[in-house]
C-alpha atoms as a PDB file:
ATOM      1  CA  VAL A   1     292.978 223.916  18.538  1.00  0.00           C
ATOM      2  CA  GLN A   2     290.417 221.945  20.487  1.00  0.00           C
ATOM      3  CA  LEU A   3     291.153 220.825  24.026  1.00  0.00           C
ATOM      4  CA  GLN A   4     289.637 218.052  26.109  1.00  0.00           C
ATOM      5  CA  ALA A   5     290.493 217.868  29.786  1.00  0.00           C
ATOM      6  CA  SER A   6     290.030 214.772  31.894  1.00  0.00           C
ATOM      7  CA  GLY A   7     291.214 213.072  35.053  1.00  0.00           C
ATOM      8  CA  GLY A   8     289.436 214.942  37.801  1.00  0.00           C
ATOM      9  CA  GLY A   9     287.836 213.304  40.781  1.00  0.00           C
ATOM     10  CA  LEU A  10     287.626 213.014  44.519  1.00  0.00           C
ATOM     11  CA  VAL A  11     290.783 212.361  46.490  1.00  0.00           C
ATOM     12  CA  GLN A  12     291.812 212.500  50.123  1.00  0.00           C
ATOM     13  CA  ALA A  13     294.287 215.066  51.341  1.00  0.00           C
ATOM     14  CA  GLY A  14     297.802 213.903  50.653  1.00  0.00           C
ATOM     15  CA  GLY A  15     296.730 211.929  47.622  1.00  0.00           C
ATOM     16  CA  SER A  16     297.628 212.252  43.969  1.00  0.00           C
ATOM     17  CA  LEU A  17     295.838 212.729  40.681  1.00  0.00           C
ATOM     18  CA  ARG A  18     296.891 213.229  37.100  1.00  0.00           C
ATOM     19  CA  LEU A  19     294.990 215.499  34.766  1.00  0.00           C
ATOM     20  CA  SER A  20     295.198 215.111  31.018  1.00  0.00           C
ATOM     21  CA  CYS A  21     294.562 217.654  28.303  1.00  0.00           C
ATOM     22  CA  ALA A  22     294.166 216.231  24.815  1.00  0.00           C
ATOM     23  CA  ALA A  23     294.705 218.641  21.941  1.00  0.00           C
ATOM     24  CA  SER A  24     293.426 218.270  18.419  1.00  0.00           C
ATOM     25  CA  GLY A  25     293.355 220.398  15.332  1.00  0.00           C
ATOM     26  CA  ARG A  26     296.203 222.544  14.214  1.00  0.00           C
ATOM     27  CA  THR A  27     299.819 222.111  15.167  1.00  0.00           C
ATOM     28  CA  LEU A  28     300.744 223.200  18.663  1.00  0.00           C
ATOM     29  CA  SER A  29     304.061 224.727  17.650  1.00  0.00           C
ATOM     30  CA  ASN A  30     304.724 227.942  19.587  1.00  0.00           C
ATOM     31  CA  TYR A  31     301.686 227.443  21.794  1.00  0.00           C
ATOM     32  CA  MET A  32     301.783 227.822  25.544  1.00  0.00           C
ATOM     33  CA  ILE A  33     299.615 225.235  27.279  1.00  0.00           C
ATOM     34  CA  THR A  34     298.422 226.351  30.684  1.00  0.00           C
ATOM     35  CA  TRP A  35     296.425 224.824  33.493  1.00  0.00           C
ATOM     36  CA  PHE A  36     294.186 227.204  35.398  1.00  0.00           C
ATOM     37  CA  ARG A  37     291.839 226.495  38.256  1.00  0.00           C
ATOM     38  CA  GLN A  38     288.829 228.158  39.752  1.00  0.00           C
ATOM     39  CA  ALA A  39     287.575 227.468  43.231  1.00  0.00           C
ATOM     40  CA  PRO A  40     284.012 228.333  44.266  1.00  0.00           C
ATOM     41  CA  GLY A  41     283.659 232.055  44.799  1.00  0.00           C
ATOM     42  CA  LYS A  42     287.196 232.784  43.637  1.00  0.00           C
ATOM     43  CA  GLU A  43     288.857 234.127  40.534  1.00  0.00           C
ATOM     44  CA  ARG A  44     290.376 231.759  38.008  1.00  0.00           C
ATOM     45  CA  GLU A  45     294.059 231.410  38.791  1.00  0.00           C
ATOM     46  CA  PHE A  46     297.185 230.218  37.055  1.00  0.00           C
ATOM     47  CA  VAL A  47     298.498 226.809  38.085  1.00  0.00           C
ATOM     48  CA  ALA A  48     301.183 225.701  35.634  1.00  0.00           C
ATOM     49  CA  ALA A  49     302.245 226.175  32.037  1.00  0.00           C
ATOM     50  CA  ILE A  50     304.485 224.538  29.465  1.00  0.00           C
ATOM     51  CA  ARG A  51     305.845 225.757  26.169  1.00  0.00           C
ATOM     52  CA  TRP A  52     304.951 223.224  23.506  1.00  0.00           C
ATOM     53  CA  SER A  53     308.108 224.092  21.587  1.00  0.00           C
ATOM     54  CA  GLY A  54     311.043 223.726  23.930  1.00  0.00           C
ATOM     55  CA  GLY A  55     309.199 222.449  26.958  1.00  0.00           C
ATOM     56  CA  GLY A  56     309.922 225.276  29.387  1.00  0.00           C
ATOM     57  CA  THR A  57     307.709 225.025  32.456  1.00  0.00           C
ATOM     58  CA  PHE A  58     306.261 227.521  34.890  1.00  0.00           C
ATOM     59  CA  TYR A  59     304.429 227.047  38.169  1.00  0.00           C
ATOM     60  CA  ALA A  60     302.412 229.012  40.643  1.00  0.00           C
ATOM     61  CA  ASP A  61     304.160 229.232  43.994  1.00  0.00           C
ATOM     62  CA  SER A  62     301.271 227.415  45.633  1.00  0.00           C
ATOM     63  CA  VAL A  63     301.882 224.249  43.617  1.00  0.00           C
ATOM     64  CA  LYS A  64     305.640 224.369  43.075  1.00  0.00           C
ATOM     65  CA  GLY A  65     307.215 221.135  44.223  1.00  0.00           C
ATOM     66  CA  ARG A  66     303.877 219.297  44.279  1.00  0.00           C
ATOM     67  CA  PHE A  67     302.602 219.579  40.700  1.00  0.00           C
ATOM     68  CA  THR A  68     304.447 218.678  37.517  1.00  0.00           C
ATOM     69  CA  ILE A  69     303.350 219.681  34.042  1.00  0.00           C
ATOM     70  CA  SER A  70     304.566 217.681  31.068  1.00  0.00           C
ATOM     71  CA  ARG A  71     303.732 217.037  27.455  1.00  0.00           C
ATOM     72  CA  ASP A  72     303.735 214.166  24.989  1.00  0.00           C
ATOM     73  CA  ASN A  73     304.409 215.632  21.574  1.00  0.00           C
ATOM     74  CA  SER A  74     303.460 212.535  19.622  1.00  0.00           C
ATOM     75  CA  ARG A  75     300.101 212.205  21.338  1.00  0.00           C
ATOM     76  CA  LYS A  76     299.450 215.966  21.614  1.00  0.00           C
ATOM     77  CA  MET A  77     298.763 215.532  25.290  1.00  0.00           C
ATOM     78  CA  VAL A  78     299.603 217.699  28.264  1.00  0.00           C
ATOM     79  CA  TYR A  79     299.555 216.274  31.754  1.00  0.00           C
ATOM     80  CA  LEU A  80     299.375 217.767  35.203  1.00  0.00           C
ATOM     81  CA  GLN A  81     300.654 215.348  37.816  1.00  0.00           C
ATOM     82  CA  MET A  82     299.462 216.502  41.221  1.00  0.00           C
ATOM     83  CA  LYS A  83     300.884 215.146  44.455  1.00  0.00           C
ATOM     84  CA  ARG A  84     300.303 215.919  48.127  1.00  0.00           C
ATOM     85  CA  LEU A  85     296.935 217.393  47.279  1.00  0.00           C
ATOM     86  CA  GLN A  86     295.343 219.635  49.874  1.00  0.00           C
ATOM     87  CA  PRO A  87     291.746 220.799  50.372  1.00  0.00           C
ATOM     88  CA  GLU A  88     292.744 224.216  49.036  1.00  0.00           C
ATOM     89  CA  ASP A  89     293.504 222.543  45.703  1.00  0.00           C
ATOM     90  CA  THR A  90     289.786 221.848  45.312  1.00  0.00           C
ATOM     91  CA  ALA A  91     288.654 223.600  42.152  1.00  0.00           C
ATOM     92  CA  VAL A  92     287.595 223.170  38.582  1.00  0.00           C
ATOM     93  CA  TYR A  93     290.733 222.805  36.497  1.00  0.00           C
ATOM     94  CA  TYR A  94     290.907 224.075  32.931  1.00  0.00           C
ATOM     95  CA  CYS A  95     293.519 223.673  30.232  1.00  0.00           C
ATOM     96  CA  ASN A  96     294.230 226.529  27.870  1.00  0.00           C
ATOM     97  CA  ALA A  97     296.233 226.832  24.684  1.00  0.00           C
ATOM     98  CA  LYS A  98     297.472 230.231  23.596  1.00  0.00           C
ATOM     99  CA  HIS A  99     299.567 231.282  20.617  1.00  0.00           C
ATOM    100  CA  PRO A 100     301.622 234.479  20.541  1.00  0.00           C
ATOM    101  CA  ARG A 101     299.452 235.657  17.635  1.00  0.00           C
ATOM    102  CA  GLY A 102     296.412 235.581  19.899  1.00  0.00           C
ATOM    103  CA  TYR A 103     294.794 232.276  18.995  1.00  0.00           C
ATOM    104  CA  GLU A 104     293.370 230.843  22.199  1.00  0.00           C
ATOM    105  CA  SER A 105     291.346 227.809  23.173  1.00  0.00           C
ATOM    106  CA  TRP A 106     289.917 226.500  26.415  1.00  0.00           C
ATOM    107  CA  GLY A 107     289.038 222.992  27.356  1.00  0.00           C
ATOM    108  CA  GLN A 108     286.033 222.190  29.454  1.00  0.00           C
ATOM    109  CA  GLY A 109     286.770 222.088  33.147  1.00  0.00           C
ATOM    110  CA  THR A 110     287.374 219.018  35.219  1.00  0.00           C
ATOM    111  CA  GLN A 111     286.492 219.012  38.913  1.00  0.00           C
ATOM    112  CA  ILE A 112     288.965 218.086  41.589  1.00  0.00           C
ATOM    113  CA  THR A 113     287.735 217.728  45.140  1.00  0.00           C
ATOM    114  CA  VAL A 114     290.216 217.113  47.934  1.00  0.00           C
ATOM    115  CA  SER A 115     288.700 215.947  51.185  1.00  0.00           C
ATOM    116  CA  SER A 116     290.383 216.594  54.514  1.00  0.00           C
END
């Protein structure tokens, strides 16, 4: 699986952005697609995840209620809709695809900067 993330940018606090993660290659059945982020000087952290088969979603407490992860099966796209963005959301965001058998792929990061 190859992943291509896009949609980052500069936004004011309180604003919204939508990230996209385009997948190509093998089928995504049974994959978990996850958004991670890494702020300068910090560890990479979990943001949100979605099961490609079944669509179950999971969120970090810090983004629950503000971010929504979704998928478009036909387009093999995963989206991260982000609302009420705050400066602490500033980070490089990465999408990840992982299969229970251990296959794993990372997309390139996309920068989000939230100004106060």
